[in-house]
Amino acid sequence: MMQPIHKFNFKSVLPLAALIILSGCSSKQDIQQWLDRQREIVVPRITPLAKPVPFVPAAYAQSTAPDPFESDRLTKALRAQNAGNDTLLQAELNRRKEPLEAFALDAIAMIGSIDKKGRQIALIRANDLIYQVRLGDYLGQNYGKVTKITEGAIELREIVQDPSGEWIERNTTLELRQSQEKS
């Protein structure tokens, strides 16, 4: 059989511990003298703070620069950058924008196609609206022109900048998005 474990009684030890601690301190004056000597011996070393640099306000000199909040600032900047030296982009900058050019290609979905009098027409969903797209129409934010429409895809010619800053043509395909629902 196990015997009960006796609990340690802190109440009986507490007065004994207080007596031992108090007997170590001879007097309050001895402690004060020791503290005074320690203050004389130990000299703190404080490095002075550097003087603050005065603030000199700068004048706003960007009043002649293009407004960063203007909606057509990219178009204006592209025109200024490529003034007369890039015919590939000039034709795109001089034409009127079409509604589907406001959407990125990943926000546009091809949902079908129809053949109307021998001409292929793609059905596009953007922002929960359905649009009809024909050859020569534009969509996407990179001047994407529709070059071919098939039953399962739309081929686009986009104009983008390469890493060196030159404007180049790039072919892109927007494929038919199959419905996720099955009956």
Protein backbone atom coordinates (compact mmCIF):
# COMPACT_ATOMS: atom_id res chain seq x y z
CA MET A 1 0.00 0.00 0.00
CA MET A 2 1.09 3.50 -0.71
CA GLN A 3 1.59 5.86 2.13
CA PRO A 4 0.26 9.40 1.96
CA ILE A 5 2.75 12.05 0.95
CA HIS A 6 3.14 14.82 3.49
CA LYS A 7 2.62 18.31 2.20
CA PHE A 8 5.35 20.89 2.74
CA ASN A 9 4.19 23.61 5.09
CA PHE A 10 5.37 27.02 3.84
CA LYS A 11 3.81 28.83 6.79
CA SER A 12 6.26 27.29 9.21
CA VAL A 13 9.31 28.05 7.05
CA LEU A 14 8.41 31.67 6.22
CA PRO A 15 9.34 33.22 9.61
CA LEU A 16 12.65 31.32 9.57
CA ALA A 17 13.52 32.66 6.08
CA ALA A 18 12.68 36.23 7.11
CA LEU A 19 14.92 35.90 10.18
CA ILE A 20 17.87 34.69 8.06
CA ILE A 21 17.47 37.52 5.55
CA LEU A 22 17.27 40.18 8.27
CA SER A 23 20.28 38.85 10.12
CA GLY A 24 22.41 39.33 6.97
CA CYS A 25 21.74 43.07 6.94
CA SER A 26 23.58 44.59 9.84
CA SER A 27 22.03 48.01 9.51
CA LYS A 28 20.40 50.37 7.12
CA GLN A 29 23.35 52.75 7.39
CA ASP A 30 25.82 50.09 6.17
CA ILE A 31 23.73 49.49 3.09
CA GLN A 32 23.47 53.23 2.39
CA GLN A 33 27.28 53.69 2.77
CA TRP A 34 27.94 50.81 0.40
CA LEU A 35 25.55 52.29 -2.19
CA ASP A 36 27.24 55.70 -1.93
CA ARG A 37 30.70 54.14 -2.51
CA GLN A 38 29.42 52.25 -5.53
CA ARG A 39 28.03 55.46 -7.01
CA GLU A 40 31.43 57.14 -6.64
CA ILE A 41 33.31 54.23 -8.22
CA VAL A 42 31.02 53.60 -11.18
CA VAL A 43 30.98 56.48 -13.64
CA PRO A 44 28.35 56.19 -16.34
CA ARG A 45 29.50 56.73 -19.93
CA ILE A 46 26.85 58.38 -22.00
CA THR A 47 27.57 59.25 -25.61
CA PRO A 48 25.98 62.53 -26.62
CA LEU A 49 23.24 62.48 -29.22
CA ALA A 50 23.94 63.85 -32.67
CA LYS A 51 22.41 67.22 -33.42
CA PRO A 52 19.22 66.96 -35.48
CA VAL A 53 19.44 67.88 -39.12
CA PRO A 54 17.21 70.87 -39.87
CA PHE A 55 14.33 70.19 -42.25
CA VAL A 56 14.52 72.14 -45.48
CA PRO A 57 11.22 72.04 -47.41
CA ALA A 58 11.55 71.51 -51.17
CA ALA A 59 9.50 73.42 -53.68
CA TYR A 60 6.99 71.40 -55.73
CA ALA A 61 8.42 71.37 -59.25
CA GLN A 62 6.09 68.85 -60.89
CA SER A 63 3.38 71.28 -61.92
CA THR A 64 4.48 70.98 -65.57
CA ALA A 65 4.58 67.16 -65.50
CA PRO A 66 1.59 65.06 -66.65
CA ASP A 67 -1.18 64.68 -64.11
CA PRO A 68 -0.80 61.19 -62.51
CA PHE A 69 -4.57 60.93 -61.99
CA GLU A 70 -5.56 61.65 -65.59
CA SER A 71 -7.35 58.70 -67.19
CA ASP A 72 -5.57 58.93 -70.57
CA ARG A 73 -2.07 59.51 -69.21
CA LEU A 74 -0.73 56.15 -70.47
CA THR A 75 -1.93 56.87 -73.98
CA LYS A 76 -0.44 60.37 -73.88
CA ALA A 77 2.85 59.05 -72.50
CA LEU A 78 3.01 56.40 -75.22
CA ARG A 79 2.33 59.00 -77.89
CA ALA A 80 5.05 61.26 -76.52
CA GLN A 81 7.53 58.41 -76.22
CA ASN A 82 6.92 57.05 -79.69
CA ALA A 83 6.34 60.31 -81.51
CA GLY A 84 6.56 59.32 -85.19
CA ASN A 85 9.08 56.50 -84.79
CA ASP A 86 6.78 53.54 -84.25
CA THR A 87 4.13 52.98 -86.90
CA LEU A 88 2.97 49.72 -85.29
CA LEU A 89 1.59 51.51 -82.26
CA GLN A 90 0.57 54.74 -84.00
CA ALA A 91 -2.35 53.14 -85.81
CA GLU A 92 -3.63 51.73 -82.52
CA LEU A 93 -3.35 55.04 -80.67
CA ASN A 94 -5.26 56.98 -83.35
CA ARG A 95 -8.36 54.76 -83.42
CA ARG A 96 -11.38 54.81 -81.09
CA LYS A 97 -11.29 52.25 -78.23
CA GLU A 98 -13.86 49.45 -78.21
CA PRO A 99 -15.79 48.40 -75.07
CA LEU A 100 -14.02 45.04 -74.61
CA GLU A 101 -10.62 46.76 -74.47
CA ALA A 102 -11.42 47.88 -70.93
CA PHE A 103 -11.13 44.27 -69.68
CA ALA A 104 -8.00 42.18 -69.13
CA LEU A 105 -7.98 38.92 -71.12
CA ASP A 106 -8.25 36.84 -67.95
CA ALA A 107 -11.53 38.65 -67.12
CA ILE A 108 -13.00 37.74 -70.52
CA ALA A 109 -14.40 34.29 -71.33
CA MET A 110 -15.33 32.84 -74.70
CA ILE A 111 -18.58 30.98 -74.12
CA GLY A 112 -19.48 29.97 -77.67
CA SER A 113 -19.56 30.81 -81.35
CA ILE A 114 -22.18 31.05 -84.05
CA ASP A 115 -22.04 30.99 -87.85
CA LYS A 116 -24.09 33.84 -89.28
CA LYS A 117 -24.32 33.90 -93.09
CA GLY A 118 -20.94 32.18 -93.44
CA ARG A 119 -19.17 34.47 -90.94
CA GLN A 120 -17.98 33.22 -87.56
CA ILE A 121 -19.09 35.28 -84.57
CA ALA A 122 -17.68 34.57 -81.10
CA LEU A 123 -19.76 35.02 -77.96
CA ILE A 124 -17.81 36.63 -75.13
CA ARG A 125 -18.78 37.07 -71.49
CA ALA A 126 -17.28 40.08 -69.71
CA ASN A 127 -18.62 41.58 -66.51
CA ASP A 128 -21.73 39.32 -66.69
CA LEU A 129 -22.68 40.69 -70.13
CA ILE A 130 -22.59 38.81 -73.43
CA TYR A 131 -20.88 40.44 -76.44
CA GLN A 132 -20.66 39.40 -80.09
CA VAL A 133 -17.13 39.59 -81.48
CA ARG A 134 -16.26 39.52 -85.19
CA LEU A 135 -13.01 39.45 -87.15
CA GLY A 136 -11.19 42.77 -86.78
CA ASP A 137 -12.77 43.66 -83.41
CA TYR A 138 -10.52 44.53 -80.48
CA LEU A 139 -10.48 43.09 -76.96
CA GLY A 140 -8.09 43.04 -74.02
CA GLN A 141 -5.82 45.75 -72.73
CA ASN A 142 -2.90 45.11 -75.10
CA TYR A 143 -4.53 46.32 -78.33
CA GLY A 144 -5.71 42.76 -79.08
CA LYS A 145 -7.20 42.50 -82.58
CA VAL A 146 -9.25 39.42 -83.48
CA THR A 147 -7.53 37.67 -86.40
CA LYS A 148 -9.34 34.31 -86.44
CA ILE A 149 -12.47 32.81 -84.90
CA THR A 150 -13.03 29.06 -84.69
CA GLU A 151 -15.59 26.99 -82.79
CA GLY A 152 -13.23 26.57 -79.86
CA ALA A 153 -10.98 29.63 -79.78
CA ILE A 154 -10.33 33.23 -80.75
CA GLU A 155 -6.89 34.17 -82.03
CA LEU A 156 -5.65 37.68 -81.27
CA ARG A 157 -2.75 39.83 -82.37
CA GLU A 158 -1.59 41.97 -79.43
CA ILE A 159 0.96 44.76 -79.34
CA VAL A 160 3.21 44.63 -76.26
CA GLN A 161 6.59 45.94 -75.20
CA ASP A 162 9.50 43.53 -75.10
CA PRO A 163 12.14 43.77 -72.33
CA SER A 164 14.19 46.23 -74.39
CA GLY A 165 11.21 48.61 -74.69
CA GLU A 166 10.43 47.95 -78.36
CA TRP A 167 6.81 47.41 -79.41
CA ILE A 168 6.25 43.95 -80.91
CA GLU A 169 3.30 41.85 -82.07
CA ARG A 170 2.35 38.78 -80.06
CA ASN A 171 -0.24 36.13 -80.93
CA THR A 172 -2.59 35.08 -78.16
CA THR A 173 -5.45 32.59 -78.05
CA LEU A 174 -8.61 32.90 -75.99
CA GLU A 175 -10.07 29.40 -75.75
CA LEU A 176 -13.67 28.33 -75.25
CA ARG A 177 -14.49 28.02 -71.55
CA GLN A 178 -16.48 24.84 -70.97
CA SER A 179 -19.40 25.04 -68.55
CA GLN A 180 -18.65 23.58 -65.13
CA GLU A 181 -22.25 22.42 -64.65
CA LYS A 182 -23.25 18.96 -65.85
CA SER A 183 -26.84 17.79 -65.88
